[in-house]
PDB file of N, CA and C in Angstrom:
ATOM      1  N   SER A   1      91.924 123.504 140.462  1.00  0.00           N
ATOM      2  CA  SER A   1      91.483 124.893 139.713  1.00  0.00           C
ATOM      3  C   SER A   1      90.087 124.703 139.325  1.00  0.00           C
ATOM      4  N   ASN A   2      89.802 125.807 138.719  1.00  0.00           N
ATOM      5  CA  ASN A   2      87.982 125.981 138.441  1.00  0.00           C
ATOM      6  C   ASN A   2      88.061 125.054 136.786  1.00  0.00           C
ATOM      7  N   PHE A   3      86.622 124.777 136.932  1.00  0.00           N
ATOM      8  CA  PHE A   3      86.061 123.861 135.403  1.00  0.00           C
ATOM      9  C   PHE A   3      86.531 124.777 134.401  1.00  0.00           C
ATOM     10  N   ILE A   4      86.558 126.057 134.447  1.00  0.00           N
ATOM     11  CA  ILE A   4      86.679 126.836 133.007  1.00  0.00           C
ATOM     12  C   ILE A   4      87.992 126.369 132.361  1.00  0.00           C
ATOM     13  N   ALA A   5      88.902 126.599 133.434  1.00  0.00           N
ATOM     14  CA  ALA A   5      90.769 126.175 133.388  1.00  0.00           C
ATOM     15  C   ALA A   5      90.690 124.998 132.898  1.00  0.00           C
ATOM     16  N   LYS A   6      90.111 123.859 133.375  1.00  0.00           N
ATOM     17  CA  LYS A   6      90.044 122.308 133.189  1.00  0.00           C
ATOM     18  C   LYS A   6      89.633 122.201 131.895  1.00  0.00           C
ATOM     19  N   PHE A   7      88.588 123.086 131.331  1.00  0.00           N
ATOM     20  CA  PHE A   7      87.596 122.666 130.396  1.00  0.00           C
ATOM     21  C   PHE A   7      88.936 123.375 129.056  1.00  0.00           C
ATOM     22  N   ALA A   8      89.325 124.323 129.394  1.00  0.00           N
ATOM     23  CA  ALA A   8      90.200 124.945 128.311  1.00  0.00           C
ATOM     24  C   ALA A   8      91.714 124.234 128.152  1.00  0.00           C
ATOM     25  N   SER A   9      91.950 123.670 129.159  1.00  0.00           N
ATOM     26  CA  SER A   9      93.241 122.735 128.779  1.00  0.00           C
ATOM     27  C   SER A   9      92.674 121.399 128.260  1.00  0.00           C
ATOM     28  N   PHE A  10      91.564 120.775 128.494  1.00  0.00           N
ATOM     29  CA  PHE A  10      91.157 119.819 127.835  1.00  0.00           C
ATOM     30  C   PHE A  10      90.677 120.294 126.452  1.00  0.00           C
ATOM     31  N   ALA A  11      90.529 121.161 125.986  1.00  0.00           N
ATOM     32  CA  ALA A  11      89.889 121.627 124.953  1.00  0.00           C
ATOM     33  C   ALA A  11      91.198 121.971 123.869  1.00  0.00           C
ATOM     34  N   PHE A  12      92.278 122.459 124.236  1.00  0.00           N
ATOM     35  CA  PHE A  12      93.827 122.871 123.854  1.00  0.00           C
ATOM     36  C   PHE A  12      94.173 121.114 123.616  1.00  0.00           C
ATOM     37  N   VAL A  13      94.385 120.373 124.216  1.00  0.00           N
ATOM     38  CA  VAL A  13      95.017 119.136 123.933  1.00  0.00           C
ATOM     39  C   VAL A  13      94.024 118.238 123.164  1.00  0.00           C
ATOM     40  N   SER A  14      92.774 118.478 123.462  1.00  0.00           N
ATOM     41  CA  SER A  14      91.922 117.680 122.202  1.00  0.00           C
ATOM     42  C   SER A  14      92.329 118.349 120.819  1.00  0.00           C
ATOM     43  N   LEU A  15      92.237 119.417 120.861  1.00  0.00           N
ATOM     44  CA  LEU A  15      92.738 120.174 119.551  1.00  0.00           C
ATOM     45  C   LEU A  15      94.055 119.294 119.052  1.00  0.00           C
ATOM     46  N   ILE A  16      94.942 119.349 119.660  1.00  0.00           N
ATOM     47  CA  ILE A  16      96.287 119.151 119.321  1.00  0.00           C
ATOM     48  C   ILE A  16      96.196 117.383 118.803  1.00  0.00           C
ATOM     49  N   LEU A  17      95.277 116.560 119.640  1.00  0.00           N
ATOM     50  CA  LEU A  17      95.039 115.390 119.316  1.00  0.00           C
ATOM     51  C   LEU A  17      94.234 115.322 118.069  1.00  0.00           C
ATOM     52  N   ALA A  18      93.298 115.990 117.840  1.00  0.00           N
ATOM     53  CA  ALA A  18      92.304 116.293 116.406  1.00  0.00           C
ATOM     54  C   ALA A  18      93.479 116.743 115.369  1.00  0.00           C
ATOM     55  N   MET A  19      94.625 117.415 115.706  1.00  0.00           N
ATOM     56  CA  MET A  19      95.369 117.707 114.355  1.00  0.00           C
ATOM     57  C   MET A  19      96.442 116.574 113.945  1.00  0.00           C
ATOM     58  N   MET A  20      96.824 115.593 115.052  1.00  0.00           N
ATOM     59  CA  MET A  20      97.384 114.603 114.872  1.00  0.00           C
ATOM     60  C   MET A  20      96.470 113.569 114.112  1.00  0.00           C
ATOM     61  N   LEU A  21      95.419 113.618 114.449  1.00  0.00           N
ATOM     62  CA  LEU A  21      94.468 112.563 113.794  1.00  0.00           C
ATOM     63  C   LEU A  21      94.277 112.876 112.124  1.00  0.00           C
ATOM     64  N   VAL A  22      94.235 114.241 111.789  1.00  0.00           N
ATOM     65  CA  VAL A  22      94.144 114.221 110.146  1.00  0.00           C
ATOM     66  C   VAL A  22      95.623 114.151 109.956  1.00  0.00           C
ATOM     67  N   ILE A  23      96.813 114.495 110.890  1.00  0.00           N
ATOM     68  CA  ILE A  23      97.837 114.002 110.217  1.00  0.00           C
ATOM     69  C   ILE A  23      97.867 112.505 109.804  1.00  0.00           C
ATOM     70  N   LEU A  24      97.511 111.410 110.691  1.00  0.00           N
ATOM     71  CA  LEU A  24      97.361 110.301 110.619  1.00  0.00           C
ATOM     72  C   LEU A  24      96.462 109.909 109.278  1.00  0.00           C
ATOM     73  N   PHE A  25      95.395 110.347 109.372  1.00  0.00           N
ATOM     74  CA  PHE A  25      94.571 109.945 108.016  1.00  0.00           C
ATOM     75  C   PHE A  25      95.009 110.563 106.477  1.00  0.00           C
ATOM     76  N   GLY A  26      95.964 111.668 106.504  1.00  0.00           N
ATOM     77  CA  GLY A  26      96.704 111.645 105.266  1.00  0.00           C
ATOM     78  C   GLY A  26      97.820 110.715 105.284  1.00  0.00           C
ATOM     79  N   ALA A  27      98.453 110.623 106.403  1.00  0.00           N
ATOM     80  CA  ALA A  27      99.528 109.091 106.258  1.00  0.00           C
ATOM     81  C   ALA A  27      98.703 108.178 105.585  1.00  0.00           C
ATOM     82  N   GLN A  28      97.689 107.873 106.345  1.00  0.00           N
ATOM     83  CA  GLN A  28      96.789 106.339 105.779  1.00  0.00           C
ATOM     84  C   GLN A  28      96.840 106.785 104.074  1.00  0.00           C
ATOM     85  N   THR A  29      95.951 107.669 103.400  1.00  0.00           N
ATOM     86  CA  THR A  29      96.132 107.895 102.516  1.00  0.00           C
ATOM     87  C   THR A  29      97.140 107.791 101.597  1.00  0.00           C
ATOM     88  N   THR A  30      98.104 108.388 101.889  1.00  0.00           N
ATOM     89  CA  THR A  30      99.551 108.341 101.360  1.00  0.00           C
ATOM     90  C   THR A  30      99.656 106.929 101.449  1.00  0.00           C
ATOM     91  N   GLN A  31      99.781 106.185 102.302  1.00  0.00           N
ATOM     92  CA  GLN A  31     100.581 104.869 102.457  1.00  0.00           C
ATOM     93  C   GLN A  31      99.485 103.853 101.282  1.00  0.00           C
ATOM     94  N   MET A  32      98.424 104.072 101.278  1.00  0.00           N
ATOM     95  CA  MET A  32      97.313 103.449 100.555  1.00  0.00           C
ATOM     96  C   MET A  32      97.849 103.703  98.771  1.00  0.00           C
ATOM     97  N   GLY A  33      98.022 104.842  98.774  1.00  0.00           N
ATOM     98  CA  GLY A  33      98.159 105.252  97.335  1.00  0.00           C
ATOM     99  C   GLY A  33      99.504 104.490  96.937  1.00  0.00           C
ATOM    100  N   LEU A  34     100.723 104.543  97.731  1.00  0.00           N
ATOM    101  CA  LEU A  34     101.848 103.751  97.742  1.00  0.00           C
ATOM    102  C   LEU A  34     101.592 102.385  97.523  1.00  0.00           C
ATOM    103  N   ILE A  35     100.662 101.709  98.226  1.00  0.00           N
ATOM    104  CA  ILE A  35     100.538 100.176  98.256  1.00  0.00           C
ATOM    105  C   ILE A  35     100.066 100.206  96.572  1.00  0.00           C
ATOM    106  N   ASP A  36      98.917 101.066  96.176  1.00  0.00           N
ATOM    107  CA  ASP A  36      98.367 100.886  94.842  1.00  0.00           C
ATOM    108  C   ASP A  36      99.420 100.925  93.873  1.00  0.00           C
ATOM    109  N   ARG A  37     100.471 101.807  94.117  1.00  0.00           N
ATOM    110  CA  ARG A  37     101.547 102.003  93.170  1.00  0.00           C
ATOM    111  C   ARG A  37     102.477 100.744  92.847  1.00  0.00           C
ATOM    112  N   LEU A  38     102.740 100.125  94.317  1.00  0.00           N
ATOM    113  CA  LEU A  38     103.484  98.936  94.008  1.00  0.00           C
ATOM    114  C   LEU A  38     102.832  97.701  93.445  1.00  0.00           C
ATOM    115  N   ARG A  39     101.434  97.943  93.433  1.00  0.00           N
ATOM    116  CA  ARG A  39     100.944  96.697  92.908  1.00  0.00           C
ATOM    117  C   ARG A  39     100.977  96.913  91.150  1.00  0.00           C
ATOM    118  N   GLU A  40     100.785  98.484  91.121  1.00  0.00           N
ATOM    119  CA  GLU A  40     101.107  98.456  89.114  1.00  0.00           C
ATOM    120  C   GLU A  40     102.280  97.881  89.092  1.00  0.00           C
ATOM    121  N   ILE A  41     103.559  98.520  90.038  1.00  0.00           N
ATOM    122  CA  ILE A  41     104.814  98.155  89.590  1.00  0.00           C
ATOM    123  C   ILE A  41     104.815  96.446  89.631  1.00  0.00           C
ATOM    124  N   GLU A  42     104.168  95.898  90.559  1.00  0.00           N
ATOM    125  CA  GLU A  42     104.210  94.472  90.386  1.00  0.00           C
ATOM    126  C   GLU A  42     103.984  93.445  89.324  1.00  0.00           C
ATOM    127  N   SER A  43     102.752  94.362  89.013  1.00  0.00           N
ATOM    128  CA  SER A  43     102.265  93.509  87.515  1.00  0.00           C
ATOM    129  C   SER A  43     102.732  93.535  86.248  1.00  0.00           C
ATOM    130  N   ALA A  44     103.753  94.771  86.514  1.00  0.00           N
ATOM    131  CA  ALA A  44     104.407  95.110  84.958  1.00  0.00           C
ATOM    132  C   ALA A  44     105.847  94.216  85.467  1.00  0.00           C
ATOM    133  N   GLY A  45     106.135  93.592  86.405  1.00  0.00           N
ATOM    134  CA  GLY A  45     107.358  92.822  86.943  1.00  0.00           C
ATOM    135  C   GLY A  45     108.486  93.423  87.042  1.00  0.00           C
ATOM    136  N   GLU A  46     108.226  94.529  87.630  1.00  0.00           N
ATOM    137  CA  GLU A  46     109.577  95.406  87.857  1.00  0.00           C
ATOM    138  C   GLU A  46     109.668  95.562  89.396  1.00  0.00           C
ATOM    139  N   ILE A  47     108.999  95.206  90.280  1.00  0.00           N
ATOM    140  CA  ILE A  47     109.274  95.261  91.676  1.00  0.00           C
ATOM    141  C   ILE A  47     110.369  94.578  92.161  1.00  0.00           C
ATOM    142  N   THR A  48     110.867  95.529  93.312  1.00  0.00           N
ATOM    143  CA  THR A  48     112.088  95.500  93.956  1.00  0.00           C
ATOM    144  C   THR A  48     111.876  94.298  95.344  1.00  0.00           C
ATOM    145  N   ALA A  49     112.715  93.889  95.705  1.00  0.00           N
ATOM    146  CA  ALA A  49     112.821  93.038  97.163  1.00  0.00           C
ATOM    147  C   ALA A  49     112.025  94.411  98.262  1.00  0.00           C
ATOM    148  N   ALA A  50     112.321  95.400  98.180  1.00  0.00           N
ATOM    149  CA  ALA A  50     111.867  96.549  99.398  1.00  0.00           C
ATOM    150  C   ALA A  50     110.470  96.528  98.990  1.00  0.00           C
ATOM    151  N   GLY A  51     109.907  96.827  97.686  1.00  0.00           N
ATOM    152  CA  GLY A  51     108.561  97.122  97.277  1.00  0.00           C
ATOM    153  C   GLY A  51     107.722  95.374  97.738  1.00  0.00           C
ATOM    154  N   ARG A  52     108.408  94.252  97.461  1.00  0.00           N
ATOM    155  CA  ARG A  52     107.669  93.000  97.722  1.00  0.00           C
ATOM    156  C   ARG A  52     107.461  93.297  99.178  1.00  0.00           C
ATOM    157  N   ALA A  53     108.454  93.453 100.057  1.00  0.00           N
ATOM    158  CA  ALA A  53     108.482  93.351 101.918  1.00  0.00           C
ATOM    159  C   ALA A  53     107.145  94.395 101.631  1.00  0.00           C
ATOM    160  N   VAL A  54     107.043  95.513 101.508  1.00  0.00           N
ATOM    161  CA  VAL A  54     105.880  96.593 101.855  1.00  0.00           C
ATOM    162  C   VAL A  54     104.839  96.297 101.360  1.00  0.00           C
ATOM    163  N   LEU A  55     104.558  95.054 100.351  1.00  0.00           N
ATOM    164  CA  LEU A  55     103.398  94.609  99.928  1.00  0.00           C
ATOM    165  C   LEU A  55     102.822  93.551 100.951  1.00  0.00           C
ATOM    166  N   ALA A  56     103.848  92.561 101.236  1.00  0.00           N
ATOM    167  CA  ALA A  56     103.693  91.952 102.160  1.00  0.00           C
ATOM    168  C   ALA A  56     103.036  92.172 103.473  1.00  0.00           C
ATOM    169  N   ASN A  57     103.395  93.342 103.707  1.00  0.00           N
ATOM    170  CA  ASN A  57     102.965  93.867 105.072  1.00  0.00           C
ATOM    171  C   ASN A  57     101.387  94.498 105.071  1.00  0.00           C
ATOM    172  N   ALA A  58     101.124  94.738 103.728  1.00  0.00           N
ATOM    173  CA  ALA A  58      99.724  95.136 103.286  1.00  0.00           C
ATOM    174  C   ALA A  58      98.703  93.626 102.857  1.00  0.00           C
ATOM    175  N   GLN A  59      99.121  92.384 102.963  1.00  0.00           N
ATOM    176  CA  GLN A  59      98.566  91.254 102.589  1.00  0.00           C
ATOM    177  C   GLN A  59      97.980  90.874 103.483  1.00  0.00           C
ATOM    178  N   PRO A  60      96.996  90.454 103.768  1.00  0.00           N
ATOM    179  CA  PRO A  60      96.419  89.666 105.230  1.00  0.00           C
ATOM    180  C   PRO A  60      96.883  88.121 105.108  1.00  0.00           C
ATOM    181  N   ASP A  61      97.644  87.586 104.294  1.00  0.00           N
ATOM    182  CA  ASP A  61      97.754  86.365 104.546  1.00  0.00           C
ATOM    183  C   ASP A  61      99.746  85.844 104.926  1.00  0.00           C
ATOM    184  N   THR A  62      99.685  86.957 105.688  1.00  0.00           N
ATOM    185  CA  THR A  62     101.600  86.984 106.058  1.00  0.00           C
ATOM    186  C   THR A  62     101.444  86.329 107.165  1.00  0.00           C
ATOM    187  N   PRO A  63     102.606  85.683 107.866  1.00  0.00           N
ATOM    188  CA  PRO A  63     102.718  85.274 109.407  1.00  0.00           C
ATOM    189  C   PRO A  63     102.470  86.225 110.062  1.00  0.00           C
ATOM    190  N   PHE A  64     101.743  85.578 111.471  1.00  0.00           N
ATOM    191  CA  PHE A  64     101.306  86.583 112.518  1.00  0.00           C
ATOM    192  C   PHE A  64     100.276  87.572 112.405  1.00  0.00           C
ATOM    193  N   SER A  65      99.624  87.191 111.189  1.00  0.00           N
ATOM    194  CA  SER A  65      98.498  87.925 110.454  1.00  0.00           C
ATOM    195  C   SER A  65      97.095  87.631 111.117  1.00  0.00           C
ATOM    196  N   HIS A  66      97.158  86.627 111.903  1.00  0.00           N
ATOM    197  CA  HIS A  66      95.594  86.078 112.161  1.00  0.00           C
ATOM    198  C   HIS A  66      95.092  86.437 113.403  1.00  0.00           C
ATOM    199  N   LEU A  67      94.410  87.187 113.888  1.00  0.00           N
ATOM    200  CA  LEU A  67      93.965  87.727 114.970  1.00  0.00           C
ATOM    201  C   LEU A  67      92.460  87.343 115.559  1.00  0.00           C
ATOM    202  N   LEU A  68      92.002  86.712 116.449  1.00  0.00           N
ATOM    203  CA  LEU A  68      91.070  86.366 116.569  1.00  0.00           C
ATOM    204  C   LEU A  68      90.104  85.566 115.366  1.00  0.00           C
ATOM    205  N   GLY A  69      91.015  85.045 115.103  1.00  0.00           N
ATOM    206  CA  GLY A  69      90.456  83.894 114.078  1.00  0.00           C
ATOM    207  C   GLY A  69      90.142  84.575 112.734  1.00  0.00           C
ATOM    208  N   VAL A  70      90.666  85.863 112.443  1.00  0.00           N
ATOM    209  CA  VAL A  70      90.211  86.690 111.362  1.00  0.00           C
ATOM    210  C   VAL A  70      91.689  86.808 110.567  1.00  0.00           C
ATOM    211  N   SER A  71      91.793  87.037 109.861  1.00  0.00           N
ATOM    212  CA  SER A  71      93.026  87.477 108.758  1.00  0.00           C
ATOM    213  C   SER A  71      93.107  89.150 108.466  1.00  0.00           C
ATOM    214  N   TYR A  72      94.243  89.527 109.058  1.00  0.00           N
ATOM    215  CA  TYR A  72      94.313  90.926 108.936  1.00  0.00           C
ATOM    216  C   TYR A  72      95.898  91.324 108.505  1.00  0.00           C
ATOM    217  N   SER A  73      96.012  92.441 107.882  1.00  0.00           N
ATOM    218  CA  SER A  73      97.307  92.811 107.396  1.00  0.00           C
ATOM    219  C   SER A  73      98.079  93.485 108.329  1.00  0.00           C
ATOM    220  N   VAL A  74      99.530  93.406 108.255  1.00  0.00           N
ATOM    221  CA  VAL A  74     100.137  94.021 109.318  1.00  0.00           C
ATOM    222  C   VAL A  74      99.853  95.451 109.337  1.00  0.00           C
ATOM    223  N   ASP A  75      99.604  96.239 108.319  1.00  0.00           N
ATOM    224  CA  ASP A  75      99.308  97.747 108.469  1.00  0.00           C
ATOM    225  C   ASP A  75      97.729  97.293 109.052  1.00  0.00           C
ATOM    226  N   ALA A  76      96.936  96.816 108.619  1.00  0.00           N
ATOM    227  CA  ALA A  76      95.835  96.934 109.423  1.00  0.00           C
ATOM    228  C   ALA A  76      95.675  96.656 111.149  1.00  0.00           C
ATOM    229  N   ILE A  77      96.522  95.864 111.423  1.00  0.00           N
ATOM    230  CA  ILE A  77      97.027  95.915 112.668  1.00  0.00           C
ATOM    231  C   ILE A  77      97.303  97.132 113.510  1.00  0.00           C
ATOM    232  N   VAL A  78      98.463  97.184 112.973  1.00  0.00           N
ATOM    233  CA  VAL A  78      99.111  98.699 113.047  1.00  0.00           C
ATOM    234  C   VAL A  78      97.946  99.945 113.505  1.00  0.00           C
ATOM    235  N   ARG A  79      96.967  99.987 112.388  1.00  0.00           N
ATOM    236  CA  ARG A  79      96.304 100.948 112.433  1.00  0.00           C
ATOM    237  C   ARG A  79      95.041 100.773 113.796  1.00  0.00           C
ATOM    238  N   VAL A  80      94.942  99.594 113.830  1.00  0.00           N
ATOM    239  CA  VAL A  80      93.983  99.379 115.159  1.00  0.00           C
ATOM    240  C   VAL A  80      94.581  99.904 116.333  1.00  0.00           C
ATOM    241  N   PHE A  81      95.901  99.336 116.675  1.00  0.00           N
ATOM    242  CA  PHE A  81      96.576  99.592 117.853  1.00  0.00           C
ATOM    243  C   PHE A  81      96.512 100.779 117.839  1.00  0.00           C
ATOM    244  N   LEU A  82      96.983 101.776 116.720  1.00  0.00           N
ATOM    245  CA  LEU A  82      97.122 103.397 116.457  1.00  0.00           C
ATOM    246  C   LEU A  82      95.295 103.702 117.155  1.00  0.00           C
ATOM    247  N   TRP A  83      94.631 103.535 116.839  1.00  0.00           N
ATOM    248  CA  TRP A  83      93.461 103.724 117.453  1.00  0.00           C
ATOM    249  C   TRP A  83      92.887 103.424 118.764  1.00  0.00           C
ATOM    250  N   ILE A  84      93.603 102.252 119.048  1.00  0.00           N
ATOM    251  CA  ILE A  84      93.237 102.097 120.541  1.00  0.00           C
ATOM    252  C   ILE A  84      94.021 102.965 121.575  1.00  0.00           C
ATOM    253  N   GLY A  85      95.346 103.231 121.174  1.00  0.00           N
ATOM    254  CA  GLY A  85      96.167 103.756 122.026  1.00  0.00           C
ATOM    255  C   GLY A  85      95.463 105.531 121.722  1.00  0.00           C
ATOM    256  N   LEU A  86      94.729 105.782 120.958  1.00  0.00           N
ATOM    257  CA  LEU A  86      94.486 107.019 120.745  1.00  0.00           C
ATOM    258  C   LEU A  86      93.253 107.194 121.768  1.00  0.00           C
ATOM    259  N   GLY A  87      92.343 106.187 121.726  1.00  0.00           N
ATOM    260  CA  GLY A  87      91.373 106.083 122.732  1.00  0.00           C
ATOM    261  C   GLY A  87      91.544 106.216 124.190  1.00  0.00           C
ATOM    262  N   VAL A  88      92.746 105.541 124.508  1.00  0.00           N
ATOM    263  CA  VAL A  88      93.216 105.050 125.723  1.00  0.00           C
ATOM    264  C   VAL A  88      93.744 106.665 126.255  1.00  0.00           C
ATOM    265  N   VAL A  89      94.718 107.048 125.107  1.00  0.00           N
ATOM    266  CA  VAL A  89      95.176 108.540 125.623  1.00  0.00           C
ATOM    267  C   VAL A  89      94.182 109.398 125.853  1.00  0.00           C
ATOM    268  N   TYR A  90      92.971 109.719 125.208  1.00  0.00           N
ATOM    269  CA  TYR A  90      91.893 110.230 125.274  1.00  0.00           C
ATOM    270  C   TYR A  90      91.227 110.024 126.628  1.00  0.00           C
ATOM    271  N   LEU A  91      90.874 109.090 126.722  1.00  0.00           N
ATOM    272  CA  LEU A  91      89.950 108.728 128.214  1.00  0.00           C
ATOM    273  C   LEU A  91      91.008 109.150 129.138  1.00  0.00           C
ATOM    274  N   GLY A  92      92.129 108.674 129.401  1.00  0.00           N
ATOM    275  CA  GLY A  92      93.089 109.098 130.129  1.00  0.00           C
ATOM    276  C   GLY A  92      93.102 110.890 130.470  1.00  0.00           C
ATOM    277  N   LEU A  93      93.066 111.412 129.654  1.00  0.00           N
ATOM    278  CA  LEU A  93      93.293 112.830 129.376  1.00  0.00           C
ATOM    279  C   LEU A  93      91.885 113.757 130.218  1.00  0.00           C
ATOM    280  N   ALA A  94      90.579 112.808 129.931  1.00  0.00           N
ATOM    281  CA  ALA A  94      89.269 113.208 130.389  1.00  0.00           C
ATOM    282  C   ALA A  94      89.243 112.891 131.786  1.00  0.00           C
ATOM    283  N   TYR A  95      89.831 111.782 132.175  1.00  0.00           N
ATOM    284  CA  TYR A  95      89.768 111.363 133.601  1.00  0.00           C
ATOM    285  C   TYR A  95      90.931 112.208 134.472  1.00  0.00           C
ATOM    286  N   LEU A  96      92.106 112.492 133.953  1.00  0.00           N
ATOM    287  CA  LEU A  96      93.201 113.240 134.866  1.00  0.00           C
ATOM    288  C   LEU A  96      92.395 114.542 134.743  1.00  0.00           C
ATOM    289  N   THR A  97      91.928 115.196 133.856  1.00  0.00           N
ATOM    290  CA  THR A  97      91.291 116.594 133.501  1.00  0.00           C
ATOM    291  C   THR A  97      90.268 116.336 134.614  1.00  0.00           C
ATOM    292  N   PHE A  98      89.445 115.824 134.609  1.00  0.00           N
ATOM    293  CA  PHE A  98      87.859 116.111 135.441  1.00  0.00           C
ATOM    294  C   PHE A  98      87.524 115.228 136.549  1.00  0.00           C
ATOM    295  N   LEU A  99      87.950 114.033 136.548  1.00  0.00           N
ATOM    296  CA  LEU A  99      87.659 113.109 137.683  1.00  0.00           C
ATOM    297  C   LEU A  99      88.718 112.864 138.903  1.00  0.00           C
ATOM    298  N   HIS A 100      90.123 112.894 138.181  1.00  0.00           N
ATOM    299  CA  HIS A 100      91.234 112.927 139.287  1.00  0.00           C
ATOM    300  C   HIS A 100      91.331 113.501 140.258  1.00  0.00           C
ATOM    301  N   ARG A 101      91.384 113.561 141.878  1.00  0.00           N
ATOM    302  CA  ARG A 101      91.536 114.565 142.540  1.00  0.00           C
ATOM    303  C   ARG A 101      92.736 114.391 142.951  1.00  0.00           C
ATOM    304  N   TRP A 102      93.585 115.874 142.343  1.00  0.00           N
ATOM    305  CA  TRP A 102      95.112 115.772 142.596  1.00  0.00           C
ATOM    306  C   TRP A 102      95.284 116.192 144.086  1.00  0.00           C
ATOM    307  N   THR A 103      96.210 115.904 144.794  1.00  0.00           N
ATOM    308  CA  THR A 103      96.529 116.329 145.739  1.00  0.00           C
ATOM    309  C   THR A 103      98.015 117.487 146.225  1.00  0.00           C
ATOM    310  N   PRO A 104      98.031 118.141 146.893  1.00  0.00           N
ATOM    311  CA  PRO A 104      99.095 119.058 146.994  1.00  0.00           C
ATOM    312  C   PRO A 104     100.480 118.431 146.797  1.00  0.00           C
ATOM    313  N   ASP A 105     101.562 119.158 146.652  1.00  0.00           N
ATOM    314  CA  ASP A 105     103.027 118.597 146.790  1.00  0.00           C
ATOM    315  C   ASP A 105     103.036 117.721 147.461  1.00  0.00           C
ATOM    316  N   ALA A 106     103.893 116.473 147.373  1.00  0.00           N
ATOM    317  CA  ALA A 106     104.323 115.578 147.977  1.00  0.00           C
ATOM    318  C   ALA A 106     105.126 115.872 149.463  1.00  0.00           C
ATOM    319  N   ILE A 107     106.121 117.255 148.933  1.00  0.00           N
ATOM    320  CA  ILE A 107     107.166 118.077 149.713  1.00  0.00           C
ATOM    321  C   ILE A 107     106.126 119.448 149.962  1.00  0.00           C
ATOM    322  N   PRO A 108     105.757 119.590 151.329  1.00  0.00           N
ATOM    323  CA  PRO A 108     105.381 120.933 151.415  1.00  0.00           C
ATOM    324  C   PRO A 108     106.184 121.818 151.762  1.00  0.00           C
ATOM    325  N   VAL A 109     106.162 122.844 150.665  1.00  0.00           N
ATOM    326  CA  VAL A 109     107.144 123.982 150.572  1.00  0.00           C
ATOM    327  C   VAL A 109     106.339 125.205 151.291  1.00  0.00           C
ATOM    328  N   SER A 110     107.052 126.048 152.199  1.00  0.00           N
ATOM    329  CA  SER A 110     106.723 127.422 152.343  1.00  0.00           C
ATOM    330  C   SER A 110     107.830 128.140 152.641  1.00  0.00           C
ATOM    331  N   ILE A 111     106.918 129.534 152.246  1.00  0.00           N
ATOM    332  CA  ILE A 111     108.198 130.792 152.493  1.00  0.00           C
ATOM    333  C   ILE A 111     108.251 131.631 153.309  1.00  0.00           C
ATOM    334  N   GLU A 112     109.446 131.583 154.154  1.00  0.00           N
ATOM    335  CA  GLU A 112     108.954 132.232 155.340  1.00  0.00           C
ATOM    336  C   GLU A 112     110.259 133.286 155.257  1.00  0.00           C
ATOM    337  N   LYS A 113     110.100 134.384 156.085  1.00  0.00           N
ATOM    338  CA  LYS A 113     111.078 135.839 155.925  1.00  0.00           C
ATOM    339  C   LYS A 113     112.172 135.366 156.870  1.00  0.00           C
ATOM    340  N   ARG A 114     113.506 135.640 156.431  1.00  0.00           N
ATOM    341  CA  ARG A 114     114.461 135.393 157.528  1.00  0.00           C
ATOM    342  C   ARG A 114     114.809 136.485 158.372  1.00  0.00           C
ATOM    343  N   PRO A 115     115.105 135.982 159.751  1.00  0.00           N
ATOM    344  CA  PRO A 115     115.285 137.571 160.534  1.00  0.00           C
ATOM    345  C   PRO A 115     116.584 138.278 160.000  1.00  0.00           C
TER     346      PRO A 115
END
């Protein structure tokens, strides 16, 4: 296909990925607000076990939270992997759109008139 069609397809999927990114930013802001509210509840001594578990994921001193000698919270690790995943998907999209040489169908199909 020609470059304009490829570019239009790439732009459309880029728009969808950008919309997903905006949703992720909103979710991150909401999650940070939740963590702040749980800290307020914890300081009042009224936190539940579920609230303590959510706060534990936001704390960098939990098990399995040390990566490359630096302490991260579970929430931060998830955020990093989301960014890495988004980058890989976008690079794959760019490669498959502009650089990959697509071949015709593996099973050749031809339409012939019957006698």
